[in-house]
Amino acid sequence: MSVEDEIVSLGKSMGLEVDERDVNELVEEHTQELTTEEIQELQSQQHTEVMQEIGFEESEEEVISTSEIKEILGMWERVSQFVEKKHPEKVATGRVYDLFNDTCLTHFRNILRVRKKHTSLDMFFSKRPTGESEKNLAKKAKTSEDI
């Protein structure tokens, strides 16, 4: 029994409508090499599918500390520098680096950016202790009297 016959038999046992011609067609399609454009299109489709799956599966986000984010970004920087220096496939690793960076790390960099902005605003709008503000007012009044 040929491999094609076994595949047809297996397909039929699963309740599928399969014949040897279908199997041969599938094998022929997979023996042809893909063009660069076709590969890029497949990657784009896969990326879109993954992003959709992630979007549908989002649940409560775990709070990640700023130090954890900084630590992992530092590790990624070390890994990417190592790969850039040592890996012979510069173009392929560059694409993977960009994809991972854009897909995964941008999220964490944005979290840091928002936290930094939030911290700056908190410092700007925070109340000073009453005693401290009275001292500052007294100093300003004294300085303006000296002028």
Protein backbone atom coordinates (compact mmCIF):
# COMPACT_ATOMS: atom_id res chain seq x y z
CA MET A 1 0.00 0.00 0.00
CA SER A 2 1.45 3.39 -1.01
CA VAL A 3 1.68 6.38 1.30
CA GLU A 4 -1.04 8.13 -0.69
CA ASP A 5 -3.36 5.14 -0.24
CA GLU A 6 -2.68 5.13 3.50
CA ILE A 7 -3.47 8.84 3.73
CA VAL A 8 -6.71 8.34 1.77
CA SER A 9 -7.64 5.42 4.02
CA LEU A 10 -6.89 7.42 7.16
CA GLY A 11 -8.90 10.39 5.86
CA LYS A 12 -11.89 8.22 5.05
CA SER A 13 -11.72 6.57 8.47
CA MET A 14 -12.00 10.07 9.95
CA GLY A 15 -15.10 10.72 7.88
CA LEU A 16 -13.42 12.96 5.30
CA GLU A 17 -14.06 12.87 1.58
CA VAL A 18 -10.54 12.25 0.28
CA ASP A 19 -9.20 10.55 -2.80
CA GLU A 20 -5.72 9.87 -4.13
CA ARG A 21 -5.91 12.83 -6.52
CA ASP A 22 -6.41 15.21 -3.55
CA VAL A 23 -3.40 13.76 -1.78
CA ASN A 24 -1.21 14.02 -4.90
CA GLU A 25 -2.29 17.62 -5.41
CA LEU A 26 -1.41 18.46 -1.83
CA VAL A 27 2.00 16.80 -2.14
CA GLU A 28 2.73 18.72 -5.36
CA GLU A 29 1.80 22.02 -3.74
CA HIS A 30 4.24 21.38 -0.93
CA THR A 31 7.12 20.38 -3.20
CA GLN A 32 7.09 23.76 -4.95
CA GLU A 33 9.28 26.40 -3.33
CA LEU A 34 7.58 29.56 -2.19
CA THR A 35 8.62 32.97 -3.47
CA THR A 36 9.76 35.63 -1.04
CA GLU A 37 6.46 37.44 -1.47
CA GLU A 38 4.49 34.28 -0.67
CA ILE A 39 6.58 33.68 2.45
CA GLN A 40 6.06 37.26 3.59
CA GLU A 41 2.31 36.94 2.97
CA LEU A 42 2.20 33.72 5.02
CA GLN A 43 4.11 35.38 7.86
CA SER A 44 1.74 38.32 7.76
CA GLN A 45 -1.29 36.01 7.90
CA GLN A 46 0.18 34.03 10.78
CA HIS A 47 0.99 37.23 12.64
CA THR A 48 -2.57 38.49 12.15
CA GLU A 49 -4.02 35.19 13.36
CA VAL A 50 -1.80 35.19 16.45
CA MET A 51 -2.74 38.78 17.25
CA GLN A 52 -6.43 37.93 16.91
CA GLU A 53 -6.03 34.90 19.18
CA ILE A 54 -4.23 37.00 21.74
CA GLY A 55 -6.94 39.64 21.54
CA PHE A 56 -9.69 37.12 22.16
CA GLU A 57 -7.85 35.37 24.97
CA GLU A 58 -6.97 38.48 26.93
CA SER A 59 -8.01 38.21 30.52
CA GLU A 60 -7.00 40.06 33.62
CA GLU A 61 -3.50 41.32 33.10
CA GLU A 62 -0.99 40.47 35.75
CA VAL A 63 0.67 43.52 37.23
CA ILE A 64 4.32 43.53 36.28
CA SER A 65 6.77 45.54 38.31
CA THR A 66 8.84 48.22 36.66
CA SER A 67 12.02 46.48 37.80
CA GLU A 68 10.92 43.22 36.12
CA ILE A 69 10.28 45.04 32.86
CA LYS A 70 13.62 46.84 33.00
CA GLU A 71 15.37 43.57 33.81
CA ILE A 72 13.84 41.67 30.89
CA LEU A 73 14.47 44.53 28.46
CA GLY A 74 18.10 44.54 29.58
CA MET A 75 18.33 40.79 29.03
CA TRP A 76 16.81 41.17 25.56
CA GLU A 77 19.38 43.84 24.75
CA ARG A 78 22.21 41.50 25.77
CA VAL A 79 20.76 38.59 23.76
CA SER A 80 20.18 40.70 20.66
CA GLN A 81 23.72 42.11 20.79
CA PHE A 82 25.15 38.61 21.15
CA VAL A 83 23.09 37.24 18.25
CA GLU A 84 23.95 40.23 16.08
CA LYS A 85 27.67 39.66 16.65
CA LYS A 86 27.79 35.86 16.52
CA HIS A 87 24.99 34.58 14.26
CA PRO A 88 25.94 34.14 10.57
CA GLU A 89 22.40 34.80 9.21
CA LYS A 90 22.26 38.58 9.68
CA VAL A 91 19.19 39.18 7.49
CA ALA A 92 17.09 36.39 9.01
CA THR A 93 18.00 37.28 12.58
CA GLY A 94 17.30 40.94 11.83
CA ARG A 95 13.78 40.09 10.69
CA VAL A 96 13.15 37.94 13.74
CA TYR A 97 14.57 40.66 16.00
CA ASP A 98 12.27 43.28 14.45
CA LEU A 99 9.22 41.01 14.66
CA PHE A 100 9.83 40.12 18.32
CA ASN A 101 10.70 43.68 19.21
CA ASP A 102 7.59 45.11 17.53
CA THR A 103 5.23 42.38 18.71
CA CYS A 104 6.39 41.76 22.26
CA LEU A 105 8.73 44.36 23.64
CA THR A 106 6.92 47.47 22.44
CA HIS A 107 4.11 46.56 24.84
CA PHE A 108 6.47 46.59 27.82
CA ARG A 109 8.29 49.74 26.68
CA ASN A 110 4.93 51.49 26.46
CA ILE A 111 4.10 50.38 30.00
CA LEU A 112 7.37 51.91 31.21
CA ARG A 113 6.72 55.12 29.27
CA VAL A 114 3.23 55.49 30.78
CA ARG A 115 4.52 54.78 34.28
CA LYS A 116 7.32 57.32 33.88
CA LYS A 117 4.86 59.94 32.68
CA HIS A 118 2.47 59.07 35.51
CA THR A 119 5.27 59.33 38.09
CA SER A 120 6.29 62.74 36.74
CA LEU A 121 2.71 63.99 36.96
CA ASP A 122 2.33 62.58 40.47
CA MET A 123 5.43 64.46 41.59
CA PHE A 124 4.15 67.66 40.01
CA PHE A 125 0.72 67.43 41.60
CA SER A 126 1.72 65.98 44.97
CA LYS A 127 0.98 68.02 48.08
CA ARG A 128 3.78 69.34 50.16
CA PRO A 129 3.63 69.00 53.91
CA THR A 130 2.05 72.09 55.49
CA GLY A 131 5.15 73.04 57.46
CA GLU A 132 7.32 72.92 54.36
CA SER A 133 5.08 75.17 52.28
CA GLU A 134 4.91 77.73 55.11
CA LYS A 135 8.72 77.79 55.26
CA ASN A 136 8.91 78.32 51.50
CA LEU A 137 6.39 81.17 51.70
CA ALA A 138 8.38 82.76 54.51
CA LYS A 139 11.60 82.49 52.48
CA LYS A 140 9.93 84.03 49.43
CA ALA A 141 8.53 86.86 51.52
CA LYS A 142 11.93 87.50 53.10
CA THR A 143 13.64 87.43 49.69
CA SER A 144 11.16 89.93 48.23
CA GLU A 145 11.69 92.22 51.26
CA ASP A 146 15.46 92.10 50.69
CA ILE A 147 15.05 93.33 47.12
